[in-house]
């Protein structure tokens, strides 16, 4: 995201540069239309990668190292990855379009979503949009920052309900090699209501439910109040300059959690720090940082905190048996 300037407050580079356009009644100047080939190619690649890992989840007993061979001789298995892929892509798309439409609403130029295919457990690192304009005030910052994770969360809730209604309960053996998703608070509450299990050692199999879990996990990561993550936008809109100290505290806490619970927390903290740089951890102010949030927006910020708590998981993954 571009970083704004308010020279009246004596702020200096490298954080700030003069605004590139004014907030007139017609918003930023329209750019000549160019077909988004890169966006489309990345979207299709991510559909393919999520279908691959969705198919693997549906046939978890197959060897992941030889799964390409299984797909070669069983091409119909690709279709088994569709429920996971479609559900997850809709969740990620709703998240990014939430940012996009509120950016347009506040006349902040932004790109279309770029999906990121990846050879990880779920086939993607999510999606991003790039902000090409300056954010006017804390109200706009809150709207743009919160729209994405809240939109993705709502779609994930629908997927959670449908996934539980269509889930299968399969037996689990202690020596079986599996990677299991640990349920968050919301999953525990939903399973207690809609999917009571007589055998606590059984495993729930549902590609739509898996996609709902991934969607909520992505939402939770984005809501971490660090720098220019969505949570950083929301925290700055709510707390102002105090967010700088909160961001560093959260990074330190993630490093500790990486030792105590799951190494991925430490990796995420270091990756975020490397991507943003130490100076990038401090969220740049909007053009007019003096405007305070109204009551509805303060409630939205509080709602985002509730969503973060409901979707947070200290140890997201549980590995059983010997995977590799």
Protein backbone atom coordinates (compact mmCIF):
# COMPACT_ATOMS: atom_id res chain seq x y z
CA UNK A 1 0.00 0.00 0.00
CA UNK A 2 1.22 3.52 -0.71
CA UNK A 3 2.17 5.46 2.36
CA UNK A 4 0.54 8.87 2.96
CA UNK A 5 1.97 12.28 3.87
CA UNK A 6 0.85 14.97 6.20
CA UNK A 7 3.57 17.61 5.95
CA UNK A 8 1.66 19.89 8.34
CA UNK A 9 2.68 17.50 11.10
CA UNK A 10 6.35 17.68 10.22
CA UNK A 11 6.61 14.13 8.98
CA UNK A 12 9.53 13.31 6.70
CA UNK A 13 10.58 10.63 4.20
CA UNK A 14 11.05 7.75 3.71
CA UNK A 15 7.55 7.11 5.05
CA UNK A 16 5.71 9.92 3.33
CA UNK A 17 5.35 11.49 -0.10
CA UNK A 18 2.91 14.08 -1.45
CA UNK A 19 -0.51 12.73 -2.44
CA UNK A 20 -0.80 11.87 -6.10
CA UNK A 21 -4.37 13.10 -6.52
CA UNK A 22 -7.07 15.02 -4.70
CA UNK A 23 -10.29 13.57 -3.32
CA UNK A 24 -12.60 15.27 -5.77
CA UNK A 25 -16.22 14.28 -6.35
CA UNK A 26 -15.23 11.92 -9.14
CA UNK A 27 -12.46 10.05 -7.34
CA UNK A 28 -9.08 9.12 -8.85
CA UNK A 29 -8.59 9.50 -12.60
CA UNK A 30 -9.61 6.43 -14.57
CA UNK A 31 -6.76 4.45 -16.10
CA UNK A 32 -7.00 3.04 -19.63
CA UNK A 33 -8.52 -0.43 -19.52
CA UNK A 34 -6.05 -3.28 -19.76
CA UNK A 35 -7.24 -6.85 -19.65
CA UNK A 36 -5.96 -8.35 -16.36
CA UNK A 37 -4.12 -11.29 -17.89
CA UNK A 38 -1.82 -11.79 -14.91
CA UNK A 39 -4.75 -11.77 -12.48
CA UNK A 40 -6.57 -14.34 -14.62
CA UNK A 41 -3.52 -16.61 -15.01
CA UNK A 42 -2.81 -16.58 -11.26
CA UNK A 43 -6.48 -17.23 -10.56
CA UNK A 44 -6.51 -20.31 -12.84
CA UNK A 45 -3.23 -21.59 -11.41
CA UNK A 46 -4.63 -21.25 -7.89
CA UNK A 47 -7.79 -23.09 -8.91
CA UNK A 48 -5.56 -25.92 -10.17
CA UNK A 49 -3.34 -26.01 -7.08
CA UNK A 50 -6.29 -25.97 -4.66
CA UNK A 51 -7.99 -28.71 -6.69
CA UNK A 52 -4.84 -30.83 -6.44
CA UNK A 53 -4.61 -30.55 -2.67
CA UNK A 54 -8.37 -30.84 -2.33
CA UNK A 55 -8.17 -34.14 -4.21
CA UNK A 56 -5.34 -35.26 -1.95
CA UNK A 57 -7.45 -34.47 1.13
CA UNK A 58 -10.27 -36.56 -0.33
CA UNK A 59 -7.78 -39.45 -0.80
CA UNK A 60 -5.65 -38.81 2.27
CA UNK A 61 -4.51 -42.44 2.36
CA UNK A 62 -2.56 -41.96 -0.91
CA UNK A 63 1.16 -41.19 -0.75
CA UNK A 64 1.58 -37.41 -1.25
CA UNK A 65 4.94 -37.97 -2.97
CA UNK A 66 3.33 -40.18 -5.62
CA UNK A 67 0.01 -38.38 -5.85
CA UNK A 68 0.72 -37.07 -9.37
CA UNK A 69 0.95 -40.69 -10.50
CA UNK A 70 -2.36 -41.51 -8.82
CA UNK A 71 -3.98 -38.57 -10.62
CA UNK A 72 -2.48 -39.65 -13.93
CA UNK A 73 -4.15 -43.03 -13.74
CA UNK A 74 -7.24 -41.76 -11.91
CA UNK A 75 -8.01 -38.40 -13.57
CA UNK A 76 -11.53 -38.43 -12.12
CA UNK A 77 -9.89 -37.71 -8.75
CA UNK A 78 -9.47 -34.11 -9.89
CA UNK A 79 -13.21 -33.70 -9.53
CA UNK A 80 -12.93 -34.73 -5.88
CA UNK A 81 -10.90 -31.58 -5.32
CA UNK A 82 -13.58 -29.27 -6.71
CA UNK A 83 -15.67 -28.79 -3.52
CA UNK A 84 -12.61 -27.71 -1.54
CA UNK A 85 -11.26 -25.53 -4.36
CA UNK A 86 -14.53 -23.74 -5.17
CA UNK A 87 -15.35 -23.08 -1.52
CA UNK A 88 -11.90 -21.74 -0.67
CA UNK A 89 -11.69 -19.60 -3.83
CA UNK A 90 -15.09 -18.02 -3.07
CA UNK A 91 -13.95 -17.22 0.49
CA UNK A 92 -10.68 -15.66 -0.68
CA UNK A 93 -12.41 -13.77 -3.49
CA UNK A 94 -15.03 -12.33 -1.13
CA UNK A 95 -12.23 -11.19 1.18
CA UNK A 96 -10.34 -9.35 -1.55
CA UNK A 97 -13.46 -7.91 -3.17
CA UNK A 98 -14.46 -6.51 0.22
CA UNK A 99 -11.21 -4.50 0.18
CA UNK A 100 -11.63 -3.62 -3.49
CA UNK A 101 -15.18 -2.28 -3.35
CA UNK A 102 -14.61 -0.24 -0.20
CA UNK A 103 -11.42 1.15 -1.74
CA UNK A 104 -13.47 2.28 -4.72
CA UNK A 105 -16.15 3.63 -2.37
CA UNK A 106 -13.56 5.82 -0.66
CA UNK A 107 -11.96 6.77 -4.00
CA UNK A 108 -8.71 4.96 -3.33
CA UNK A 109 -7.35 3.38 -6.51
CA UNK A 110 -6.56 -0.31 -6.12
CA UNK A 111 -5.76 -3.34 -8.25
CA UNK A 112 -7.89 -6.39 -8.85
CA UNK A 113 -7.05 -9.41 -6.65
CA UNK A 114 -3.86 -11.36 -7.32
CA UNK A 115 -4.22 -14.99 -6.19
CA UNK A 116 -1.08 -16.79 -5.04
CA UNK A 117 -0.80 -20.53 -5.88
CA UNK A 118 1.52 -22.47 -3.62
CA UNK A 119 2.75 -26.05 -3.12
CA UNK A 120 1.67 -26.07 0.52
CA UNK A 121 -0.96 -28.08 2.36
CA UNK A 122 -3.93 -26.15 0.87
CA UNK A 123 -2.57 -25.03 -2.51
CA UNK A 124 -2.43 -21.26 -1.96
CA UNK A 125 -0.99 -18.43 0.08
CA UNK A 126 -4.22 -16.48 -0.33
CA UNK A 127 -4.65 -13.37 -2.44
CA UNK A 128 -3.70 -9.69 -2.32
CA UNK A 129 -4.72 -6.39 -3.83
CA UNK A 130 -2.40 -3.41 -4.21
CA UNK A 131 -3.48 0.04 -3.10
CA UNK A 132 -2.45 2.68 -5.61
CA UNK A 133 -3.85 5.73 -3.80
CA UNK A 134 -3.83 7.50 -0.45
CA UNK A 135 -6.33 6.75 2.30
CA UNK A 136 -8.09 9.90 3.44
CA UNK A 137 -8.83 9.35 7.15
CA UNK A 138 -9.28 6.76 9.88
CA UNK A 139 -12.90 6.10 8.90
CA UNK A 140 -11.86 5.07 5.39
CA UNK A 141 -8.96 3.08 6.83
CA UNK A 142 -11.32 1.13 9.07
CA UNK A 143 -13.81 0.50 6.27
CA UNK A 144 -11.18 -0.76 3.84
CA UNK A 145 -9.25 -2.78 6.41
CA UNK A 146 -12.25 -4.50 8.01
CA UNK A 147 -14.31 -5.16 4.86
CA UNK A 148 -12.05 -7.96 3.63
CA UNK A 149 -11.74 -10.20 6.70
CA UNK A 150 -15.36 -9.69 7.72
CA UNK A 151 -16.64 -10.55 4.23
CA UNK A 152 -14.45 -13.66 4.11
CA UNK A 153 -15.58 -14.62 7.61
CA UNK A 154 -19.27 -14.42 6.70
CA UNK A 155 -18.75 -16.71 3.69
CA UNK A 156 -16.70 -19.05 5.89
CA UNK A 157 -19.63 -19.26 8.30
CA UNK A 158 -21.90 -20.51 5.50
CA UNK A 159 -19.22 -23.01 4.47
CA UNK A 160 -18.90 -24.15 8.10
CA UNK A 161 -22.62 -24.88 8.32
CA UNK A 162 -22.78 -26.68 4.96
CA UNK A 163 -19.57 -28.57 5.70
CA UNK A 164 -20.88 -29.90 9.01
CA UNK A 165 -24.19 -30.92 7.44
CA UNK A 166 -22.42 -32.89 4.70
CA UNK A 167 -19.50 -34.24 6.75
CA UNK A 168 -18.59 -37.89 7.10
CA UNK A 169 -17.22 -39.44 10.28
CA UNK A 170 -14.37 -41.84 9.58
CA UNK A 171 -12.50 -44.08 12.06
CA UNK A 172 -9.05 -43.08 13.15
CA UNK A 173 -6.15 -45.35 14.01
CA UNK A 174 -3.27 -44.12 16.15
CA UNK A 175 -0.54 -45.18 13.73
CA UNK A 176 -2.26 -43.63 10.71
CA UNK A 177 -0.33 -40.78 9.05
CA UNK A 178 -2.48 -37.67 8.81
CA UNK A 179 -2.33 -33.89 9.12
CA UNK A 180 -5.37 -32.70 11.06
CA UNK A 181 -6.78 -29.18 11.35
CA UNK A 182 -7.29 -28.23 15.00
CA UNK A 183 -10.76 -26.72 15.59
CA UNK A 184 -11.02 -23.11 16.73
CA UNK A 185 -13.56 -21.91 19.30
CA UNK A 186 -16.24 -21.41 16.65
CA UNK A 187 -15.69 -24.91 15.26
CA UNK A 188 -16.03 -26.41 18.74
CA UNK A 189 -19.33 -24.61 19.29
CA UNK A 190 -20.66 -25.52 15.84
CA UNK A 191 -19.66 -29.19 16.12
CA UNK A 192 -21.28 -29.46 19.55
CA UNK A 193 -24.56 -28.20 18.07
CA UNK A 194 -24.66 -29.79 14.60
CA UNK A 195 -22.24 -32.72 14.70
CA UNK A 196 -22.16 -34.51 18.05
CA UNK A 197 -19.59 -37.29 17.84
CA UNK A 198 -19.89 -40.46 19.91
CA UNK A 199 -16.23 -41.33 19.33
CA UNK A 200 -13.95 -38.36 20.19
CA UNK A 201 -11.06 -40.06 18.34
CA UNK A 202 -12.97 -40.14 15.03
CA UNK A 203 -12.03 -37.77 12.20
CA UNK A 204 -14.41 -35.45 10.35
CA UNK A 205 -14.02 -35.63 6.57
CA UNK A 206 -15.54 -32.78 4.57
CA UNK A 207 -13.80 -30.74 1.84
CA UNK A 208 -16.19 -27.82 2.37
CA UNK A 209 -15.49 -27.87 6.10
CA UNK A 210 -11.76 -27.95 5.38
CA UNK A 211 -12.13 -24.87 3.16
CA UNK A 212 -14.13 -23.11 5.88
CA UNK A 213 -11.32 -23.82 8.37
CA UNK A 214 -8.68 -22.49 5.95
CA UNK A 215 -10.80 -19.40 5.29
CA UNK A 216 -11.08 -18.67 9.00
CA UNK A 217 -7.38 -19.32 9.51
CA UNK A 218 -6.53 -16.82 6.76
CA UNK A 219 -8.97 -14.34 8.33
CA UNK A 220 -7.27 -14.73 11.70
CA UNK A 221 -3.78 -14.19 10.24
CA UNK A 222 -4.93 -11.07 8.43
CA UNK A 223 -6.47 -9.69 11.62
CA UNK A 224 -3.15 -9.73 13.48
CA UNK A 225 -2.51 -6.05 14.39
CA UNK A 226 0.85 -5.75 12.66
CA UNK A 227 1.91 -2.99 10.28
CA UNK A 228 -0.26 -2.85 7.18
CA UNK A 229 -2.01 -6.17 7.61
CA UNK A 230 -5.78 -5.81 7.81
CA UNK A 231 -5.54 -6.00 11.58
CA UNK A 232 -2.93 -3.23 11.51
CA UNK A 233 -5.32 -0.99 9.54
CA UNK A 234 -8.13 -1.68 11.99
CA UNK A 235 -5.92 -1.17 15.04
CA UNK A 236 -4.57 2.15 13.73
CA UNK A 237 -8.07 3.36 12.92
CA UNK A 238 -9.14 2.48 16.47
CA UNK A 239 -6.03 3.38 18.49
CA UNK A 240 -3.98 5.76 16.36
CA UNK A 241 -0.22 6.00 16.90
CA UNK A 242 -0.36 3.59 19.86
CA UNK A 243 -0.64 0.78 17.30
CA UNK A 244 3.12 0.97 16.77
CA UNK A 245 3.77 -0.50 20.22
CA UNK A 246 1.00 -3.06 19.80
CA UNK A 247 2.54 -4.32 16.54
CA UNK A 248 5.93 -4.93 18.12
CA UNK A 249 4.30 -6.61 21.12
CA UNK A 250 2.40 -8.97 18.83
CA UNK A 251 5.55 -9.83 16.86
CA UNK A 252 7.33 -10.66 20.12
CA UNK A 253 4.40 -12.76 21.28
CA UNK A 254 4.36 -14.70 17.99
CA UNK A 255 8.04 -15.50 18.39
CA UNK A 256 7.39 -16.87 21.87
CA UNK A 257 4.39 -18.85 20.62
CA UNK A 258 6.58 -20.28 17.88
CA UNK A 259 8.67 -21.88 20.61
CA UNK A 260 5.83 -22.99 22.88
CA UNK A 261 3.11 -24.07 20.42
CA UNK A 262 3.72 -24.07 16.65
CA UNK A 263 6.87 -23.02 14.80
CA UNK A 264 4.74 -21.39 12.09
CA UNK A 265 4.01 -18.44 14.37
CA UNK A 266 7.70 -17.56 14.55
CA UNK A 267 8.06 -18.05 10.80
CA UNK A 268 5.08 -15.76 10.14
CA UNK A 269 6.47 -13.09 12.48
CA UNK A 270 9.92 -13.18 10.84
CA UNK A 271 8.46 -13.29 7.32
CA UNK A 272 6.20 -10.32 8.06
CA UNK A 273 9.10 -8.42 9.58
CA UNK A 274 11.32 -9.18 6.58
CA UNK A 275 8.57 -8.20 4.13
CA UNK A 276 7.69 -4.91 5.82
CA UNK A 277 11.05 -4.05 7.34
CA UNK A 278 11.41 -2.67 10.87
CA UNK A 279 10.12 0.73 9.76
CA UNK A 280 7.18 -0.86 7.98
CA UNK A 281 5.90 -2.26 11.29
CA UNK A 282 4.86 1.31 12.12
CA UNK A 283 1.58 1.95 10.31
CA UNK A 284 1.71 5.19 8.31
CA UNK A 285 -1.06 7.67 9.17
CA UNK A 286 -3.82 8.54 6.70
CA UNK A 287 -3.92 11.97 5.11
CA UNK A 288 -6.11 13.33 7.91
CA UNK A 289 -5.35 11.26 11.03
CA UNK A 290 -7.22 13.64 13.34
CA UNK A 291 -10.69 12.44 12.35
CA UNK A 292 -12.02 9.99 14.95
CA UNK A 293 -14.17 6.93 14.35
CA UNK A 294 -17.91 7.20 14.89
CA UNK A 295 -19.78 4.69 17.09
CA UNK A 296 -20.77 2.24 14.29
CA UNK A 297 -17.17 2.00 13.11
CA UNK A 298 -15.88 1.52 16.65
CA UNK A 299 -18.32 -1.37 16.96
CA UNK A 300 -17.03 -2.82 13.66
CA UNK A 301 -13.47 -2.65 15.02
CA UNK A 302 -14.63 -4.44 18.17
CA UNK A 303 -16.42 -7.03 16.04
CA UNK A 304 -13.16 -7.70 14.17
CA UNK A 305 -11.50 -8.38 17.54
CA UNK A 306 -14.26 -10.86 18.43
CA UNK A 307 -13.79 -12.61 15.07
CA UNK A 308 -10.04 -12.84 15.73
CA UNK A 309 -10.65 -14.46 19.13
CA UNK A 310 -13.17 -16.94 17.71
CA UNK A 311 -10.84 -18.02 14.91
CA UNK A 312 -7.53 -18.06 16.80
CA UNK A 313 -5.83 -21.44 17.31
CA UNK A 314 -2.57 -21.79 19.32
CA UNK A 315 -1.63 -25.05 17.52
CA UNK A 316 -3.39 -25.04 14.12
CA UNK A 317 -2.09 -28.38 12.84
CA UNK A 318 -1.68 -31.78 14.44
CA UNK A 319 0.55 -34.33 12.70
CA UNK A 320 -0.13 -38.00 13.43
CA UNK A 321 2.06 -40.90 12.45
CA UNK A 322 4.97 -40.41 10.06
CA UNK A 323 4.11 -38.18 7.08
CA UNK A 324 7.51 -37.97 5.35
